[in-house]
Amino acid sequence: MSFTKLKSYNTNDTIAAIATFPSKSALGVAKISGKTALNIIHKIFIPRRKKDIRNAKTYTLHYGWIMDRPKTKDQRPKAGKKVIIDEVLVSIMRKPHSYTCEDVVEISSHGGVVALNKILGVILKQGCRLAQPGEFTYRAFLNGRIDLLQAEGIRNIVEAKTEYTLETAVSQLKGESLEKFDCIKRAIKDIFLLTEVDINFPDDCATEFKVIKNKIQKVSCKIKDVLESEKQTRTMKDGLKCVICGKANAGKSTLFNCLLKEERVIVSEIPGTTRDVIEETIDVKGVPLRIYDTAGILTPRNFIEKKAIEKSSKIFNEADLIMLVLDGSRALDKDDLFLVNKIKNLCDKKSNTCDNAKGVAIIINKSDLRQKLNLKNISYIKGFRVKLSALKKEGITHLEKAISKTANKFGNKTQDMVFLSAYQSEILKSAYDDIKEAEKNLAQSREIDLVNLSLKNALDNLGKLTGEVFCEELLENIFSNFCIGK
């Protein structure tokens, strides 16, 4: 979807868009916002009871019909003749008590692509233009109804996949996230003012460096906590990456279908049936789990198999949870040990970084057959172990409980959860770096001027997050991700 640069928006225009997904449905909504919204609806709407819709009170609903004038061959409307497009309900919301703080009209019609498009066409003929993605919410921001954190909350309400995600997005829309950042900003301003006093009155009002240092450290911890909780929020929103791996014919695809509770992947006794990475999402007690079924080919025999291995390896390295499927009816072989060592090396690498360590599940499949698998040789792999038969769907419940426990480790719901766009997250990291820079300058050189400058930069960055400090690139990053009509 294309996105017009914000600077090319004319906020004096009246805008319109379809606000519901255009398809066969019980209801469809078209929305108008701007100075001429009431005049436009007056021209195209005939109410059941005779009235001037332009004088209607705010928050009122009106029943009637949307009309259009048919055109002659020369494309001129026929005088006096009108045709009914659809039977509708019209909602009137007068400024400033509307979503955009402008006059807003919503037309609720019968759902359907043709009817909605015809209604939108009639609206646009009256002199307004089609809204750009996110333009209604952008106007709400410009007119002071919401801040940028609330705008991000609105987008995440629309995109919510689980109840936890919805709860967090709603709390952000209510302004609870803004309160957290306001608290941090007040703390930084307090330190900033102390440094200002020291700079302007060095002899009369010198503040102890220890006091400033303690205050900076407290602020640093608060921002770090928000950054950590934002990582968890991202997991709650985007889902935990869970990769199913194992040698060919271990039963990966059968297990994949069991977890999805549908036959999503072709299952065959022929080794190497799965040639590509297949992704699906399931809900595990409020945490979306993105499951990837990978190709079991470990040694490529042709170009296609080589590409399959490359794709599987990429997903394997990025996964939060690795589920290694072993065939319990066969002894460990070199292919099993190759994957075991790969998991160990990857987990060791992750544990030496600031990232969360990977979760690992050892799944002994084909428990309905005579068991020949000896796990003593891989006892050094940490993680939960489950015996099951994917073919007979035995032991799947135990696996789901174990997955849920691991998923909650990565996606615990906390009171500090906040939705940030990728760009907002980077700005918050910059604010954190500014605070750490102030802390370093205070400890090393005790140059209060440099501390003061770093604190000012941190305040500016936090201001960008909420929209108090204008940042066009951030605004475009946020509103370009909205759909048309929101």
Protein backbone atom coordinates (compact mmCIF):
# COMPACT_ATOMS: atom_id res chain seq x y z
CA MET A 1 0.00 0.00 0.00
CA SER A 2 1.44 3.34 -1.03
CA PHE A 3 1.79 6.10 1.51
CA THR A 4 1.88 9.80 0.69
CA LYS A 5 4.41 11.88 2.65
CA LEU A 6 2.78 13.74 5.54
CA LYS A 7 4.00 17.11 4.31
CA SER A 8 1.87 16.68 1.18
CA TYR A 9 -1.31 16.22 3.25
CA ASN A 10 -3.72 19.13 3.17
CA THR A 11 -5.45 18.95 6.54
CA ASN A 12 -7.99 21.55 5.39
CA ASP A 13 -9.43 19.02 2.94
CA THR A 14 -12.48 16.97 3.78
CA ILE A 15 -11.54 13.31 3.52
CA ALA A 16 -13.52 10.10 3.09
CA ALA A 17 -12.84 6.35 3.07
CA ILE A 18 -14.43 2.96 3.52
CA ALA A 19 -13.83 2.04 7.17
CA THR A 20 -14.75 -1.67 6.97
CA PHE A 21 -13.26 -4.47 4.91
CA PRO A 22 -15.01 -4.35 1.54
CA SER A 23 -16.55 -7.81 1.15
CA LYS A 24 -19.78 -9.72 1.44
CA SER A 25 -20.92 -8.89 4.98
CA ALA A 26 -23.87 -7.77 7.07
CA LEU A 27 -22.61 -4.22 7.45
CA GLY A 28 -20.29 -1.75 5.74
CA VAL A 29 -19.23 1.72 6.89
CA ALA A 30 -18.03 4.75 4.95
CA LYS A 31 -16.59 7.67 6.89
CA ILE A 32 -16.28 11.42 6.14
CA SER A 33 -14.26 13.94 8.19
CA GLY A 34 -13.71 17.65 7.66
CA LYS A 35 -15.29 21.08 7.29
CA THR A 36 -17.74 20.12 4.54
CA ALA A 37 -18.74 16.69 5.93
CA LEU A 38 -22.25 17.87 6.94
CA ASN A 39 -22.83 19.65 3.63
CA ILE A 40 -21.81 16.52 1.73
CA ILE A 41 -24.20 14.25 3.61
CA HIS A 42 -26.97 16.84 3.14
CA LYS A 43 -26.58 16.56 -0.64
CA ILE A 44 -26.58 12.75 -0.92
CA PHE A 45 -28.81 11.61 1.98
CA ILE A 46 -32.60 11.62 2.09
CA PRO A 47 -33.81 11.01 5.66
CA ARG A 48 -36.97 9.00 6.32
CA ARG A 49 -38.39 11.92 8.29
CA LYS A 50 -38.01 15.25 6.59
CA LYS A 51 -35.23 17.28 8.25
CA ASP A 52 -32.11 19.29 7.50
CA ILE A 53 -29.33 16.89 8.42
CA ARG A 54 -26.91 19.83 8.71
CA ASN A 55 -28.74 20.93 11.86
CA ALA A 56 -28.72 17.49 13.49
CA LYS A 57 -27.35 17.24 17.02
CA THR A 58 -24.09 15.49 17.69
CA TYR A 59 -24.15 11.76 18.53
CA THR A 60 -27.45 11.22 16.69
CA LEU A 61 -28.47 8.46 14.29
CA HIS A 62 -30.64 9.02 11.21
CA TYR A 63 -32.40 6.48 8.98
CA GLY A 64 -32.80 7.02 5.25
CA TRP A 65 -31.28 6.45 1.81
CA ILE A 66 -28.12 7.43 -0.02
CA MET A 67 -29.04 8.80 -3.45
CA ASP A 68 -27.22 9.56 -6.69
CA ARG A 69 -28.19 11.29 -9.89
CA PRO A 70 -27.84 9.09 -13.00
CA LYS A 71 -25.74 10.47 -15.83
CA THR A 72 -26.61 11.03 -19.47
CA LYS A 73 -24.38 9.97 -22.35
CA ASP A 74 -22.43 13.23 -22.09
CA GLN A 75 -21.73 12.41 -18.40
CA ARG A 76 -23.96 15.22 -17.14
CA PRO A 77 -26.35 14.40 -14.27
CA LYS A 78 -30.03 14.30 -15.21
CA ALA A 79 -31.87 17.16 -13.58
CA GLY A 80 -34.40 16.21 -10.93
CA LYS A 81 -33.88 12.46 -11.18
CA LYS A 82 -32.24 10.45 -8.41
CA VAL A 83 -31.65 6.76 -7.81
CA ILE A 84 -31.36 4.93 -4.50
CA ILE A 85 -27.97 3.35 -3.86
CA ASP A 86 -28.71 1.81 -0.46
CA GLU A 87 -30.77 2.01 2.70
CA VAL A 88 -28.50 3.39 5.46
CA LEU A 89 -28.07 4.75 8.97
CA VAL A 90 -26.14 8.02 9.23
CA SER A 91 -24.22 8.91 12.42
CA ILE A 92 -23.45 12.58 13.12
CA MET A 93 -20.50 13.54 15.34
CA ARG A 94 -19.82 17.25 15.52
CA LYS A 95 -16.44 18.79 16.28
CA PRO A 96 -14.64 18.74 18.62
CA HIS A 97 -16.34 15.65 20.08
CA SER A 98 -15.37 13.15 17.38
CA TYR A 99 -12.50 10.81 16.56
CA THR A 100 -10.68 13.47 14.51
CA CYS A 101 -11.99 16.51 16.46
CA GLU A 102 -13.59 17.56 13.14
CA ASP A 103 -17.16 17.13 11.91
CA VAL A 104 -17.46 13.41 11.23
CA VAL A 105 -20.21 11.50 9.42
CA GLU A 106 -20.38 7.71 9.31
CA ILE A 107 -22.67 5.94 6.85
CA SER A 108 -23.64 2.38 7.82
CA SER A 109 -24.92 0.48 4.80
CA HIS A 110 -25.51 -3.14 3.88
CA GLY A 111 -22.14 -4.80 3.40
CA GLY A 112 -20.89 -5.50 -0.10
CA VAL A 113 -18.17 -4.27 -2.43
CA VAL A 114 -20.46 -2.69 -5.04
CA ALA A 115 -22.73 -0.84 -2.60
CA LEU A 116 -19.86 0.55 -0.51
CA ASN A 117 -17.84 1.63 -3.54
CA LYS A 118 -20.87 3.37 -5.04
CA ILE A 119 -21.48 5.24 -1.77
CA LEU A 120 -17.82 6.26 -1.59
CA GLY A 121 -17.95 7.38 -5.22
CA VAL A 122 -20.97 9.59 -4.54
CA ILE A 123 -19.19 11.13 -1.53
CA LEU A 124 -16.01 11.87 -3.51
CA LYS A 125 -18.01 13.56 -6.27
CA GLN A 126 -19.07 16.20 -3.73
CA GLY A 127 -15.58 17.68 -3.55
CA CYS A 128 -13.74 15.72 -0.87
CA ARG A 129 -10.78 13.40 -1.44
CA LEU A 130 -9.89 9.82 -0.54
CA ALA A 131 -8.12 9.58 2.82
CA GLN A 132 -4.52 8.35 2.98
CA PRO A 133 -3.54 5.42 5.25
CA GLY A 134 -3.90 6.47 8.89
CA GLU A 135 -5.06 9.99 8.02
CA PHE A 136 -8.10 9.94 10.32
CA THR A 137 -5.88 9.00 13.28
CA TYR A 138 -3.22 11.47 12.11
CA ARG A 139 -5.80 14.26 12.33
CA ALA A 140 -6.80 13.06 15.79
CA PHE A 141 -3.14 13.43 16.80
CA LEU A 142 -2.72 16.87 15.18
CA ASN A 143 -5.88 18.13 16.86
CA GLY A 144 -4.67 17.03 20.29
CA ARG A 145 -7.12 14.21 20.91
CA ILE A 146 -4.42 11.52 21.22
CA ASP A 147 -0.64 11.31 21.55
CA LEU A 148 1.64 9.03 19.52
CA LEU A 149 1.61 6.28 22.15
CA GLN A 150 -2.18 6.21 21.99
CA ALA A 151 -1.99 6.14 18.19
CA GLU A 152 0.22 3.06 18.40
CA GLY A 153 -2.29 1.56 20.85
CA ILE A 154 -5.12 2.10 18.35
CA ARG A 155 -3.17 0.30 15.63
CA ASN A 156 -2.51 -2.63 17.94
CA ILE A 157 -6.17 -2.91 18.93
CA VAL A 158 -6.91 -3.45 15.23
CA GLU A 159 -4.07 -6.00 14.89
CA ALA A 160 -4.57 -7.81 18.25
CA LYS A 161 -4.30 -11.62 17.97
CA THR A 162 -4.83 -12.51 21.64
CA GLU A 163 -6.70 -11.19 24.69
CA TYR A 164 -3.43 -10.10 26.37
CA THR A 165 -2.50 -8.05 23.31
CA LEU A 166 -5.92 -6.42 23.26
CA GLU A 167 -5.79 -5.58 27.00
CA THR A 168 -2.37 -3.94 26.64
CA ALA A 169 -3.44 -1.97 23.56
CA VAL A 170 -6.61 -0.71 25.28
CA SER A 171 -4.66 0.39 28.38
CA GLN A 172 -2.29 2.29 26.08
CA LEU A 173 -5.23 3.97 24.35
CA LYS A 174 -6.50 5.04 27.78
CA GLY A 175 -3.21 6.90 28.32
CA GLU A 176 -1.59 4.57 30.87
CA SER A 177 1.62 4.26 28.82
CA LEU A 178 1.90 8.05 28.62
CA GLU A 179 1.82 8.22 32.42
CA LYS A 180 4.88 5.92 32.57
CA PHE A 181 6.85 8.10 30.18
CA ASP A 182 5.70 11.31 31.86
CA CYS A 183 7.04 9.95 35.15
CA ILE A 184 10.42 9.28 33.51
CA LYS A 185 10.47 12.72 31.87
CA ARG A 186 9.71 14.45 35.17
CA ALA A 187 12.60 12.63 36.81
CA ILE A 188 14.98 13.66 34.00
CA LYS A 189 13.75 17.28 34.12
CA ASP A 190 14.44 17.32 37.85
CA ILE A 191 18.08 16.28 37.23
CA PHE A 192 18.34 18.64 34.26
CA LEU A 193 17.28 21.59 36.44
CA LEU A 194 19.87 20.63 39.06
CA THR A 195 22.59 20.77 36.39
CA GLU A 196 21.24 24.10 35.12
CA VAL A 197 21.57 25.56 38.60
CA ASP A 198 25.12 24.24 38.91
CA ILE A 199 26.06 25.74 35.53
CA ASN A 200 24.54 29.18 36.20
CA PHE A 201 25.35 29.45 39.92
CA PRO A 202 28.49 27.31 40.43
CA ASP A 203 29.51 28.95 43.71
CA ASP A 204 26.17 29.57 45.38
CA CYS A 205 24.15 26.43 44.70
CA ALA A 206 26.54 23.61 43.95
CA THR A 207 24.80 20.24 44.02
CA GLU A 208 26.67 17.18 45.18
CA PHE A 209 27.69 14.92 42.30
CA LYS A 210 26.57 11.92 44.34
CA VAL A 211 22.96 13.22 44.41
CA ILE A 212 22.92 13.69 40.63
CA LYS A 213 24.55 10.30 40.08
CA ASN A 214 21.94 8.47 42.19
CA LYS A 215 19.09 10.21 40.37
CA ILE A 216 20.56 9.37 36.95
CA GLN A 217 21.00 5.71 37.91
CA LYS A 218 17.36 5.47 39.01
CA VAL A 219 16.16 6.95 35.70
CA SER A 220 18.46 4.63 33.79
CA CYS A 221 16.90 1.61 35.52
CA LYS A 222 13.37 2.83 34.74
CA ILE A 223 14.08 3.21 31.01
CA LYS A 224 15.84 -0.16 30.94
CA ASP A 225 12.76 -1.78 32.53
CA VAL A 226 10.52 -0.25 29.85
CA LEU A 227 12.85 -1.50 27.10
CA GLU A 228 12.78 -5.01 28.57
CA SER A 229 9.00 -5.00 28.91
CA GLU A 230 8.71 -3.71 25.33
CA LYS A 231 10.57 -6.83 24.16
CA GLN A 232 8.02 -8.96 25.99
CA THR A 233 5.17 -6.95 24.47
CA ARG A 234 6.59 -7.56 21.01
CA THR A 235 6.57 -11.29 21.74
CA MET A 236 2.95 -11.06 22.91
CA LYS A 237 2.05 -9.25 19.71
CA ASP A 238 4.14 -10.93 17.02
CA GLY A 239 4.26 -14.39 18.53
CA LEU A 240 6.95 -16.73 19.78
CA LYS A 241 8.97 -18.32 16.96
CA CYS A 242 8.88 -22.09 17.38
CA VAL A 243 10.75 -24.28 14.89
CA ILE A 244 10.15 -28.01 14.52
CA CYS A 245 13.34 -29.73 13.35
CA GLY A 246 14.56 -33.28 12.98
CA LYS A 247 15.93 -35.70 10.42
CA ALA A 248 13.80 -36.90 7.53
CA ASN A 249 10.84 -39.11 8.49
CA ALA A 250 11.07 -38.37 12.23
CA GLY A 251 7.43 -37.25 12.20
CA LYS A 252 7.81 -33.45 12.12
CA SER A 253 4.95 -32.79 9.71
CA THR A 254 2.62 -35.17 11.54
CA LEU A 255 3.37 -33.32 14.78
CA PHE A 256 2.88 -29.98 13.02
CA ASN A 257 -0.60 -31.08 11.89
CA CYS A 258 -1.43 -32.31 15.42
CA LEU A 259 -0.62 -28.95 16.98
CA LEU A 260 -2.68 -27.12 14.35
CA LYS A 261 -5.50 -29.67 14.69
CA GLU A 262 -5.80 -29.84 10.91
CA GLU A 263 -3.99 -31.48 8.01
CA ARG A 264 -1.94 -28.52 6.89
CA VAL A 265 1.13 -30.41 5.65
CA ILE A 266 1.35 -33.46 3.38
CA VAL A 267 2.53 -36.47 5.39
CA SER A 268 4.31 -39.32 3.64
CA GLU A 269 6.65 -42.22 4.43
CA ILE A 270 8.90 -40.92 1.65
CA PRO A 271 11.84 -39.08 3.28
CA GLY A 272 12.18 -35.41 2.34
CA THR A 273 8.50 -34.82 1.52
CA THR A 274 8.65 -31.36 3.14
CA ARG A 275 10.85 -29.22 0.90
CA ASP A 276 10.06 -25.74 2.23
CA VAL A 277 9.53 -23.97 5.56
CA ILE A 278 5.80 -23.87 6.39
CA GLU A 279 4.49 -21.36 8.96
CA GLU A 280 1.24 -21.26 10.94
CA THR A 281 0.12 -19.46 14.13
CA ILE A 282 -1.71 -20.94 17.12
CA ASP A 283 -2.77 -19.39 20.44
CA VAL A 284 -1.13 -20.95 23.52
CA LYS A 285 -2.90 -19.52 26.56
CA GLY A 286 -2.77 -15.94 25.34
CA VAL A 287 0.62 -16.08 23.62
CA PRO A 288 0.60 -16.45 19.83
CA LEU A 289 2.97 -19.23 18.80
CA ARG A 290 4.37 -19.08 15.27
CA ILE A 291 5.22 -22.67 14.39
CA TYR A 292 7.59 -23.50 11.54
CA ASP A 293 7.80 -26.97 10.00
CA THR A 294 11.24 -27.27 8.39
CA ALA A 295 12.64 -29.56 5.76
CA GLY A 296 14.31 -32.66 7.23
CA ILE A 297 16.93 -32.73 4.50
CA LEU A 298 20.42 -32.28 5.98
CA THR A 299 22.59 -33.10 2.94
CA PRO A 300 21.41 -31.43 -0.28
CA ARG A 301 21.27 -33.46 -3.46
CA ASN A 302 20.19 -30.63 -5.76
CA PHE A 303 19.63 -26.87 -5.93
CA ILE A 304 16.08 -27.03 -4.50
CA GLU A 305 17.19 -29.03 -1.46
CA LYS A 306 20.11 -26.64 -0.94
CA LYS A 307 17.71 -23.68 -0.82
CA ALA A 308 15.42 -25.59 1.56
CA ILE A 309 18.34 -26.16 3.97
CA GLU A 310 19.37 -22.49 3.81
CA LYS A 311 15.83 -21.36 4.63
CA SER A 312 15.49 -23.89 7.47
CA SER A 313 18.83 -22.77 8.95
CA LYS A 314 17.76 -19.13 8.96
CA ILE A 315 14.53 -19.90 10.83
CA PHE A 316 16.46 -22.26 13.16
CA ASN A 317 18.87 -19.46 14.17
CA GLU A 318 16.05 -16.95 14.76
CA ALA A 319 13.76 -19.28 16.74
CA ASP A 320 12.79 -18.65 20.38
CA LEU A 321 11.82 -22.28 20.92
CA ILE A 322 13.44 -25.26 19.15
CA MET A 323 11.51 -28.52 19.10
CA LEU A 324 13.84 -31.39 18.13
CA VAL A 325 11.83 -34.40 16.97
CA LEU A 326 13.58 -37.75 17.44
CA ASP A 327 12.32 -41.12 16.22
CA GLY A 328 11.94 -43.21 19.37
CA SER A 329 11.82 -46.43 17.36
CA ARG A 330 15.35 -45.93 16.03
CA ALA A 331 18.74 -45.43 17.66
CA LEU A 332 20.46 -42.06 17.45
CA ASP A 333 22.41 -41.63 14.23
CA LYS A 334 24.76 -39.01 12.80
CA ASP A 335 21.87 -36.85 11.54
CA ASP A 336 20.31 -36.70 15.03
CA LEU A 337 23.67 -35.86 16.62
CA PHE A 338 24.35 -33.21 13.98
CA LEU A 339 21.14 -31.38 14.99
CA VAL A 340 21.81 -31.90 18.72
CA ASN A 341 25.25 -30.30 18.43
CA LYS A 342 23.83 -27.48 16.33
CA ILE A 343 21.25 -26.73 19.04
CA LYS A 344 23.91 -26.84 21.77
CA ASN A 345 26.22 -24.44 19.91
CA LEU A 346 23.37 -22.04 19.23
CA CYS A 347 22.15 -22.10 22.85
CA ASP A 348 25.71 -21.53 24.14
CA LYS A 349 26.07 -18.58 21.81
CA LYS A 350 22.75 -17.06 22.93
CA SER A 351 23.53 -17.50 26.64
CA ASN A 352 26.72 -15.45 26.20
CA THR A 353 24.77 -12.46 24.85
CA CYS A 354 22.22 -10.12 26.44
CA ASP A 355 19.41 -11.91 24.56
CA ASN A 356 17.16 -14.46 26.23
CA ALA A 357 18.44 -18.02 25.94
CA LYS A 358 16.52 -20.27 23.58
CA GLY A 359 13.92 -22.71 24.82
CA VAL A 360 14.54 -26.32 23.79
CA ALA A 361 12.16 -29.29 23.65
CA ILE A 362 13.34 -32.85 23.00
CA ILE A 363 10.35 -34.72 21.54
CA ILE A 364 10.57 -38.51 21.39
CA ASN A 365 8.06 -39.40 18.71
CA LYS A 366 6.55 -42.79 17.77
CA SER A 367 6.09 -43.84 21.39
CA ASP A 368 3.54 -46.41 20.17
CA LEU A 369 6.39 -48.44 18.61
CA ARG A 370 9.13 -50.47 20.28
CA GLN A 371 11.62 -47.97 21.72
CA LYS A 372 15.29 -48.13 20.73
CA LEU A 373 16.35 -44.56 21.53
CA ASN A 374 19.00 -43.96 24.18
CA LEU A 375 19.05 -40.34 25.44
CA LYS A 376 22.14 -40.65 27.65
CA ASN A 377 24.36 -39.40 24.83
CA ILE A 378 22.43 -36.12 24.63
CA SER A 379 21.83 -35.51 28.35
CA TYR A 380 23.86 -32.28 28.08
CA ILE A 381 21.02 -30.61 26.17
CA LYS A 382 18.87 -28.65 28.62
CA GLY A 383 15.14 -28.41 28.05
CA PHE A 384 11.93 -30.32 28.62
CA ARG A 385 11.36 -33.80 27.16
CA VAL A 386 8.10 -35.29 26.01
CA LYS A 387 7.25 -38.75 24.72
CA LEU A 388 4.36 -38.92 22.29
CA SER A 389 2.88 -40.51 19.21
CA ALA A 390 2.00 -37.79 16.71
CA LEU A 391 0.38 -40.38 14.43
CA LYS A 392 -2.03 -41.58 17.14
CA LYS A 393 -2.27 -38.12 18.77
CA GLU A 394 -1.09 -39.49 22.13
CA GLY A 395 0.84 -37.20 24.51
CA ILE A 396 0.03 -34.01 22.58
CA THR A 397 -1.65 -32.43 25.64
CA HIS A 398 1.55 -32.84 27.69
CA LEU A 399 3.52 -31.19 24.88
CA GLU A 400 1.10 -28.25 24.70
CA LYS A 401 1.43 -27.67 28.47
CA ALA A 402 5.23 -27.72 28.22
CA ILE A 403 5.14 -25.32 25.26
CA SER A 404 2.80 -22.99 27.18
CA LYS A 405 5.19 -22.92 30.15
CA THR A 406 8.13 -22.04 27.89
CA ALA A 407 6.09 -19.48 25.95
CA ASN A 408 5.12 -17.68 29.15
CA LYS A 409 8.81 -17.39 30.08
CA PHE A 410 9.33 -15.29 26.96
CA GLY A 411 6.02 -13.45 27.01
CA ASN A 412 5.03 -12.78 30.61
CA LYS A 413 2.38 -10.10 30.88
CA THR A 414 3.59 -7.27 33.10
CA GLN A 415 2.10 -3.98 34.23
CA ASP A 416 4.81 -2.10 32.32
CA MET A 417 3.92 -3.56 28.91
CA VAL A 418 3.82 -0.96 26.18
CA PHE A 419 3.44 -1.08 22.41
CA LEU A 420 6.07 0.81 20.44
CA SER A 421 6.74 0.81 16.73
CA ALA A 422 10.23 -0.30 15.67
CA TYR A 423 11.15 3.35 15.13
CA GLN A 424 9.79 4.38 18.55
CA SER A 425 11.76 1.57 20.14
CA GLU A 426 14.96 2.89 18.56
CA ILE A 427 14.20 6.39 19.86
CA LEU A 428 13.70 5.03 23.38
CA LYS A 429 17.05 3.22 23.08
CA SER A 430 18.61 6.56 22.07
CA ALA A 431 17.14 8.17 25.20
CA TYR A 432 18.62 5.34 27.27
CA ASP A 433 22.02 5.88 25.60
CA ASP A 434 21.77 9.60 26.42
CA ILE A 435 21.21 8.81 30.11
CA LYS A 436 24.13 6.35 30.14
CA GLU A 437 26.28 9.02 28.46
CA ALA A 438 25.33 11.50 31.17
CA GLU A 439 26.23 8.92 33.81
CA LYS A 440 29.60 8.27 32.14
CA ASN A 441 30.44 11.99 31.81
CA LEU A 442 29.62 12.52 35.47
CA ALA A 443 31.79 9.61 36.58
CA GLN A 444 34.81 10.27 34.33
CA SER A 445 35.19 14.01 33.80
CA ARG A 446 32.57 15.54 36.10
CA GLU A 447 31.84 18.00 33.28
CA ILE A 448 28.40 19.20 34.30
CA ASP A 449 27.91 20.91 30.90
CA LEU A 450 28.22 17.56 29.10
CA VAL A 451 25.86 15.93 31.60
CA ASN A 452 23.37 18.74 31.00
CA LEU A 453 23.57 18.28 27.21
CA SER A 454 23.02 14.51 27.43
CA LEU A 455 19.99 15.03 29.67
CA LYS A 456 18.52 17.53 27.20
CA ASN A 457 18.96 15.02 24.36
CA ALA A 458 17.18 12.38 26.43
CA LEU A 459 14.26 14.75 27.03
CA ASP A 460 14.06 15.54 23.31
CA ASN A 461 13.98 11.85 22.42
CA LEU A 462 11.25 11.11 24.96
CA GLY A 463 9.31 14.08 23.57
CA LYS A 464 9.47 12.51 20.11
CA LEU A 465 7.87 9.33 21.46
CA THR A 466 4.72 11.14 22.56
CA GLY A 467 4.68 13.75 19.80
CA GLU A 468 5.61 16.76 21.95
CA VAL A 469 8.78 17.13 19.84
CA PHE A 470 7.95 17.05 16.12
CA CYS A 471 9.66 14.28 14.16
CA GLU A 472 8.27 13.83 10.66
CA GLU A 473 10.12 10.56 10.05
CA LEU A 474 8.58 9.04 13.19
CA LEU A 475 5.08 10.25 12.27
CA GLU A 476 5.35 8.73 8.81
CA ASN A 477 6.69 5.49 10.28
CA ILE A 478 3.67 5.19 12.58
CA PHE A 479 0.80 6.33 10.36
CA SER A 480 1.99 4.56 7.19
CA ASN A 481 1.26 1.27 8.98
CA PHE A 482 -2.42 2.14 9.44
CA CYS A 483 -5.06 1.02 7.00
CA ILE A 484 -7.07 3.46 4.88
CA GLY A 485 -10.17 4.42 6.86
CA LYS A 486 -8.45 4.46 10.29
